[in-house]
PDB file of N, CA and C in Angstrom:
ATOM      1  N   MET A   1      -5.293   6.562  12.354  1.00  0.00           N
ATOM      2  CA  MET A   1      -6.615   7.112  12.509  1.00  0.00           C
ATOM      3  C   MET A   1      -7.674   6.068  12.183  1.00  0.00           C
ATOM      4  N   ILE A   2      -7.387   5.244  11.184  1.00  0.00           N
ATOM      5  CA  ILE A   2      -8.342   4.204  10.822  1.00  0.00           C
ATOM      6  C   ILE A   2      -8.496   3.210  11.966  1.00  0.00           C
ATOM      7  N   THR A   3      -7.371   2.853  12.597  1.00  0.00           N
ATOM      8  CA  THR A   3      -7.423   1.916  13.710  1.00  0.00           C
ATOM      9  C   THR A   3      -8.169   2.508  14.898  1.00  0.00           C
ATOM     10  N   ALA A   4      -7.921   3.781  15.189  1.00  0.00           N
ATOM     11  CA  ALA A   4      -8.618   4.434  16.297  1.00  0.00           C
ATOM     12  C   ALA A   4     -10.116   4.533  16.029  1.00  0.00           C
ATOM     13  N   PHE A   5     -10.480   4.863  14.811  1.00  0.00           N
ATOM     14  CA  PHE A   5     -11.896   4.941  14.463  1.00  0.00           C
ATOM     15  C   PHE A   5     -12.561   3.570  14.563  1.00  0.00           C
ATOM     16  N   GLY A   6     -11.906   2.568  14.032  1.00  0.00           N
ATOM     17  CA  GLY A   6     -12.462   1.219  14.104  1.00  0.00           C
ATOM     18  C   GLY A   6     -12.603   0.735  15.538  1.00  0.00           C
ATOM     19  N   SER A   7     -11.616   1.029  16.363  1.00  0.00           N
ATOM     20  CA  SER A   7     -11.695   0.645  17.771  1.00  0.00           C
ATOM     21  C   SER A   7     -12.830   1.362  18.482  1.00  0.00           C
ATOM     22  N   ALA A   8     -12.988   2.637  18.213  1.00  0.00           N
ATOM     23  CA  ALA A   8     -14.068   3.395  18.848  1.00  0.00           C
ATOM     24  C   ALA A   8     -15.439   2.886  18.419  1.00  0.00           C
ATOM     25  N   VAL A   9     -15.605   2.586  17.153  1.00  0.00           N
ATOM     26  CA  VAL A   9     -16.885   2.055  16.686  1.00  0.00           C
ATOM     27  C   VAL A   9     -17.175   0.713  17.328  1.00  0.00           C
ATOM     28  N   TYR A  10     -16.155  -0.125  17.413  1.00  0.00           N
ATOM     29  CA  TYR A  10     -16.360  -1.434  18.039  1.00  0.00           C
ATOM     30  C   TYR A  10     -16.693  -1.295  19.519  1.00  0.00           C
ATOM     31  N   LEU A  11     -16.006  -0.410  20.226  1.00  0.00           N
ATOM     32  CA  LEU A  11     -16.291  -0.234  21.649  1.00  0.00           C
ATOM     33  C   LEU A  11     -17.678   0.337  21.893  1.00  0.00           C
ATOM     34  N   MET A  12     -18.139   1.179  21.007  1.00  0.00           N
ATOM     35  CA  MET A  12     -19.458   1.787  21.197  1.00  0.00           C
ATOM     36  C   MET A  12     -20.597   0.838  20.804  1.00  0.00           C
ATOM     37  N   PHE A  13     -20.446   0.115  19.722  1.00  0.00           N
ATOM     38  CA  PHE A  13     -21.560  -0.655  19.176  1.00  0.00           C
ATOM     39  C   PHE A  13     -21.350  -2.159  19.143  1.00  0.00           C
ATOM     40  N   GLY A  14     -20.136  -2.637  19.360  1.00  0.00           N
ATOM     41  CA  GLY A  14     -19.851  -4.033  19.080  1.00  0.00           C
ATOM     42  C   GLY A  14     -19.770  -4.946  20.271  1.00  0.00           C
ATOM     43  N   GLN A  15     -20.273  -4.566  21.404  1.00  0.00           N
ATOM     44  CA  GLN A  15     -20.193  -5.432  22.575  1.00  0.00           C
ATOM     45  C   GLN A  15     -21.062  -6.675  22.366  1.00  0.00           C
ATOM     46  N   GLY A  16     -20.409  -7.804  22.177  1.00  0.00           N
ATOM     47  CA  GLY A  16     -21.127  -9.056  21.987  1.00  0.00           C
ATOM     48  C   GLY A  16     -21.584  -9.315  20.564  1.00  0.00           C
ATOM     49  N   LYS A  17     -21.220  -8.462  19.625  1.00  0.00           N
ATOM     50  CA  LYS A  17     -21.646  -8.641  18.230  1.00  0.00           C
ATOM     51  C   LYS A  17     -20.401  -8.752  17.356  1.00  0.00           C
ATOM     52  N   ALA A  18     -20.073  -9.962  16.972  1.00  0.00           N
ATOM     53  CA  ALA A  18     -18.865 -10.177  16.182  1.00  0.00           C
ATOM     54  C   ALA A  18     -19.009  -9.655  14.758  1.00  0.00           C
ATOM     55  N   TRP A  19     -20.224  -9.586  14.234  1.00  0.00           N
ATOM     56  CA  TRP A  19     -20.401  -9.148  12.849  1.00  0.00           C
ATOM     57  C   TRP A  19     -20.040  -7.675  12.688  1.00  0.00           C
ATOM     58  N   ILE A  20     -20.147  -6.882  13.750  1.00  0.00           N
ATOM     59  CA  ILE A  20     -19.737  -5.478  13.655  1.00  0.00           C
ATOM     60  C   ILE A  20     -18.215  -5.389  13.550  1.00  0.00           C
ATOM     61  N   LEU A  21     -17.512  -6.231  14.309  1.00  0.00           N
ATOM     62  CA  LEU A  21     -16.054  -6.246  14.228  1.00  0.00           C
ATOM     63  C   LEU A  21     -15.585  -6.652  12.834  1.00  0.00           C
ATOM     64  N   ILE A  22     -16.246  -7.634  12.239  1.00  0.00           N
ATOM     65  CA  ILE A  22     -15.880  -8.069  10.887  1.00  0.00           C
ATOM     66  C   ILE A  22     -16.148  -6.951   9.876  1.00  0.00           C
ATOM     67  N   GLY A  23     -17.269  -6.277  10.000  1.00  0.00           N
ATOM     68  CA  GLY A  23     -17.585  -5.169   9.089  1.00  0.00           C
ATOM     69  C   GLY A  23     -16.621  -4.008   9.217  1.00  0.00           C
ATOM     70  N   VAL A  24     -16.279  -3.652  10.453  1.00  0.00           N
ATOM     71  CA  VAL A  24     -15.326  -2.555  10.671  1.00  0.00           C
ATOM     72  C   VAL A  24     -13.955  -2.926  10.122  1.00  0.00           C
ATOM     73  N   ALA A  25     -13.525  -4.155  10.340  1.00  0.00           N
ATOM     74  CA  ALA A  25     -12.222  -4.593   9.824  1.00  0.00           C
ATOM     75  C   ALA A  25     -12.207  -4.599   8.299  1.00  0.00           C
ATOM     76  N   ALA A  26     -13.306  -5.007   7.679  1.00  0.00           N
ATOM     77  CA  ALA A  26     -13.365  -5.024   6.217  1.00  0.00           C
ATOM     78  C   ALA A  26     -13.334  -3.608   5.651  1.00  0.00           C
ATOM     79  N   LEU A  27     -14.096  -2.718   6.249  1.00  0.00           N
ATOM     80  CA  LEU A  27     -14.110  -1.341   5.750  1.00  0.00           C
ATOM     81  C   LEU A  27     -12.795  -0.607   6.046  1.00  0.00           C
ATOM     82  N   ALA A  28     -12.164  -0.919   7.147  1.00  0.00           N
ATOM     83  CA  ALA A  28     -10.900  -0.266   7.482  1.00  0.00           C
ATOM     84  C   ALA A  28      -9.759  -0.758   6.595  1.00  0.00           C
ATOM     85  N   SER A  29      -9.860  -1.977   6.090  1.00  0.00           N
ATOM     86  CA  SER A  29      -8.789  -2.496   5.251  1.00  0.00           C
ATOM     87  C   SER A  29      -8.858  -1.995   3.809  1.00  0.00           C
ATOM     88  N   LEU A  30      -9.970  -1.448   3.383  1.00  0.00           N
ATOM     89  CA  LEU A  30     -10.087  -0.952   2.003  1.00  0.00           C
ATOM     90  C   LEU A  30      -9.112   0.184   1.684  1.00  0.00           C
ATOM     91  N   PRO A  31      -9.014   1.250   2.509  1.00  0.00           N
ATOM     92  CA  PRO A  31      -8.043   2.302   2.174  1.00  0.00           C
ATOM     93  C   PRO A  31      -6.597   1.821   2.255  1.00  0.00           C
ATOM     94  N   VAL A  32      -6.310   0.945   3.196  1.00  0.00           N
ATOM     95  CA  VAL A  32      -4.948   0.432   3.315  1.00  0.00           C
ATOM     96  C   VAL A  32      -4.586  -0.404   2.091  1.00  0.00           C
ATOM     97  N   THR A  33      -5.494  -1.235   1.652  1.00  0.00           N
ATOM     98  CA  THR A  33      -5.260  -2.066   0.470  1.00  0.00           C
ATOM     99  C   THR A  33      -5.109  -1.225  -0.790  1.00  0.00           C
ATOM    100  N   SER A  34      -5.939  -0.226  -0.954  1.00  0.00           N
ATOM    101  CA  SER A  34      -5.821   0.633  -2.136  1.00  0.00           C
ATOM    102  C   SER A  34      -4.516   1.419  -2.115  1.00  0.00           C
ATOM    103  N   PHE A  35      -4.078   1.860  -0.937  1.00  0.00           N
ATOM    104  CA  PHE A  35      -2.804   2.565  -0.847  1.00  0.00           C
ATOM    105  C   PHE A  35      -1.647   1.666  -1.253  1.00  0.00           C
ATOM    106  N   VAL A  36      -1.671   0.425  -0.797  1.00  0.00           N
ATOM    107  CA  VAL A  36      -0.600  -0.519  -1.143  1.00  0.00           C
ATOM    108  C   VAL A  36      -0.577  -0.777  -2.646  1.00  0.00           C
ATOM    109  N   PHE A  37      -1.747  -1.011  -3.247  1.00  0.00           N
ATOM    110  CA  PHE A  37      -1.787  -1.272  -4.689  1.00  0.00           C
ATOM    111  C   PHE A  37      -1.388  -0.051  -5.512  1.00  0.00           C
ATOM    112  N   LEU A  38      -1.693   1.144  -5.040  1.00  0.00           N
ATOM    113  CA  LEU A  38      -1.325   2.344  -5.794  1.00  0.00           C
ATOM    114  C   LEU A  38       0.162   2.678  -5.656  1.00  0.00           C
ATOM    115  N   GLN A  39       0.780   2.316  -4.542  1.00  0.00           N
ATOM    116  CA  GLN A  39       2.188   2.631  -4.333  1.00  0.00           C
ATOM    117  C   GLN A  39       3.130   1.533  -4.806  1.00  0.00           C
ATOM    118  N   PHE A  40       2.619   0.361  -5.137  1.00  0.00           N
ATOM    119  CA  PHE A  40       3.470  -0.745  -5.556  1.00  0.00           C
ATOM    120  C   PHE A  40       4.280  -0.446  -6.816  1.00  0.00           C
ATOM    121  N   PRO A  41       3.699   0.164  -7.872  1.00  0.00           N
ATOM    122  CA  PRO A  41       4.537   0.481  -9.047  1.00  0.00           C
ATOM    123  C   PRO A  41       5.676   1.450  -8.716  1.00  0.00           C
ATOM    124  N   LEU A  42       5.440   2.379  -7.818  1.00  0.00           N
ATOM    125  CA  LEU A  42       6.510   3.290  -7.403  1.00  0.00           C
ATOM    126  C   LEU A  42       7.616   2.526  -6.699  1.00  0.00           C
ATOM    127  N   LEU A  43       7.265   1.593  -5.831  1.00  0.00           N
ATOM    128  CA  LEU A  43       8.265   0.783  -5.140  1.00  0.00           C
ATOM    129  C   LEU A  43       9.089  -0.039  -6.129  1.00  0.00           C
ATOM    130  N   VAL A  44       8.440  -0.595  -7.136  1.00  0.00           N
ATOM    131  CA  VAL A  44       9.155  -1.371  -8.149  1.00  0.00           C
ATOM    132  C   VAL A  44      10.123  -0.473  -8.918  1.00  0.00           C
ATOM    133  N   ASP A  45       9.706   0.736  -9.270  1.00  0.00           N
ATOM    134  CA  ASP A  45      10.589   1.660  -9.982  1.00  0.00           C
ATOM    135  C   ASP A  45      11.779   2.082  -9.128  1.00  0.00           C
ATOM    136  N   VAL A  46      11.558   2.325  -7.852  1.00  0.00           N
ATOM    137  CA  VAL A  46      12.656   2.714  -6.967  1.00  0.00           C
ATOM    138  C   VAL A  46      13.663   1.583  -6.827  1.00  0.00           C
ATOM    139  N   ILE A  47      13.184   0.371  -6.646  1.00  0.00           N
ATOM    140  CA  ILE A  47      14.096  -0.774  -6.512  1.00  0.00           C
ATOM    141  C   ILE A  47      14.836  -1.029  -7.815  1.00  0.00           C
ATOM    142  N   THR A  48      14.139  -0.905  -8.943  1.00  0.00           N
ATOM    143  CA  THR A  48      14.785  -1.115 -10.240  1.00  0.00           C
ATOM    144  C   THR A  48      15.852  -0.061 -10.503  1.00  0.00           C
ATOM    145  N   SER A  49      15.557   1.195 -10.200  1.00  0.00           N
ATOM    146  CA  SER A  49      16.544   2.247 -10.451  1.00  0.00           C
ATOM    147  C   SER A  49      17.700   2.184  -9.470  1.00  0.00           C
ATOM    148  N   THR A  50      17.476   1.645  -8.280  1.00  0.00           N
ATOM    149  CA  THR A  50      18.550   1.558  -7.301  1.00  0.00           C
ATOM    150  C   THR A  50      19.436   0.345  -7.544  1.00  0.00           C
ATOM    151  N   TYR A  51      18.841  -0.802  -7.751  1.00  0.00           N
ATOM    152  CA  TYR A  51      19.601  -2.042  -7.870  1.00  0.00           C
ATOM    153  C   TYR A  51      19.587  -2.624  -9.274  1.00  0.00           C
ATOM    154  N   GLY A  52      19.120  -1.861 -10.256  1.00  0.00           N
ATOM    155  CA  GLY A  52      19.040  -2.354 -11.627  1.00  0.00           C
ATOM    156  C   GLY A  52      20.375  -2.277 -12.332  1.00  0.00           C
ATOM    157  N   TYR A  53      20.321  -2.101 -13.645  1.00  0.00           N
ATOM    158  CA  TYR A  53      21.538  -2.073 -14.445  1.00  0.00           C
ATOM    159  C   TYR A  53      22.409  -0.869 -14.138  1.00  0.00           C
ATOM    160  N   GLY A  54      21.802   0.237 -13.800  1.00  0.00           N
ATOM    161  CA  GLY A  54      22.580   1.424 -13.478  1.00  0.00           C
ATOM    162  C   GLY A  54      22.966   2.205 -14.709  1.00  0.00           C
ATOM    163  N   VAL A  55      23.830   3.167 -14.526  1.00  0.00           N
ATOM    164  CA  VAL A  55      24.264   4.052 -15.609  1.00  0.00           C
ATOM    165  C   VAL A  55      25.172   3.304 -16.573  1.00  0.00           C
ATOM    166  N   PHE A  56      26.033   2.435 -16.062  1.00  0.00           N
ATOM    167  CA  PHE A  56      27.038   1.801 -16.916  1.00  0.00           C
ATOM    168  C   PHE A  56      26.499   0.606 -17.687  1.00  0.00           C
ATOM    169  N   GLY A  57      25.340   0.089 -17.347  1.00  0.00           N
ATOM    170  CA  GLY A  57      24.798  -1.062 -18.039  1.00  0.00           C
ATOM    171  C   GLY A  57      23.845  -0.705 -19.161  1.00  0.00           C
ATOM    172  N   LYS A  58      23.543   0.587 -19.336  1.00  0.00           N
ATOM    173  CA  LYS A  58      22.575   0.992 -20.353  1.00  0.00           C
ATOM    174  C   LYS A  58      23.242   1.076 -21.721  1.00  0.00           C
ATOM    175  N   LYS A  59      22.515   0.681 -22.739  1.00  0.00           N
ATOM    176  CA  LYS A  59      22.981   0.796 -24.117  1.00  0.00           C
ATOM    177  C   LYS A  59      22.591   2.162 -24.654  1.00  0.00           C
ATOM    178  N   SER A  60      23.499   2.799 -25.339  1.00  0.00           N
ATOM    179  CA  SER A  60      23.257   4.119 -25.887  1.00  0.00           C
ATOM    180  C   SER A  60      22.760   4.008 -27.328  1.00  0.00           C
ATOM    181  N   ASP A  61      21.803   4.871 -27.678  1.00  0.00           N
ATOM    182  CA  ASP A  61      21.277   4.898 -29.045  1.00  0.00           C
ATOM    183  C   ASP A  61      21.984   5.953 -29.900  1.00  0.00           C
ATOM    184  N   ARG A  62      22.945   6.657 -29.338  1.00  0.00           N
ATOM    185  CA  ARG A  62      23.633   7.720 -30.082  1.00  0.00           C
ATOM    186  C   ARG A  62      24.591   7.120 -31.104  1.00  0.00           C
ATOM    187  N   VAL A  63      24.719   7.813 -32.224  1.00  0.00           N
ATOM    188  CA  VAL A  63      25.610   7.357 -33.295  1.00  0.00           C
ATOM    189  C   VAL A  63      27.048   7.666 -32.922  1.00  0.00           C
ATOM    190  N   PHE A  64      27.316   8.890 -32.438  1.00  0.00           N
ATOM    191  CA  PHE A  64      28.664   9.300 -32.056  1.00  0.00           C
ATOM    192  C   PHE A  64      28.825   9.197 -30.548  1.00  0.00           C
ATOM    193  N   ARG A  65      29.956   8.732 -30.130  1.00  0.00           N
ATOM    194  CA  ARG A  65      30.196   8.584 -28.681  1.00  0.00           C
ATOM    195  C   ARG A  65      31.158   9.587 -28.181  1.00  0.00           C
TER     196      ARG A  65
END
């Protein structure tokens, strides 16, 4: 939707004006960038839990086994 909106704005207002294309690209990249930064810790946790030490590599704090 962001790409379609940016394309429509450029087609309507940006004929021969490169600064409009730069502005639309900058504003369209803000939500994508924020989404990537907000989802990165989740990706790290998923990779760590999948390929990390696993169940058998964890140390137990229990006194009795």
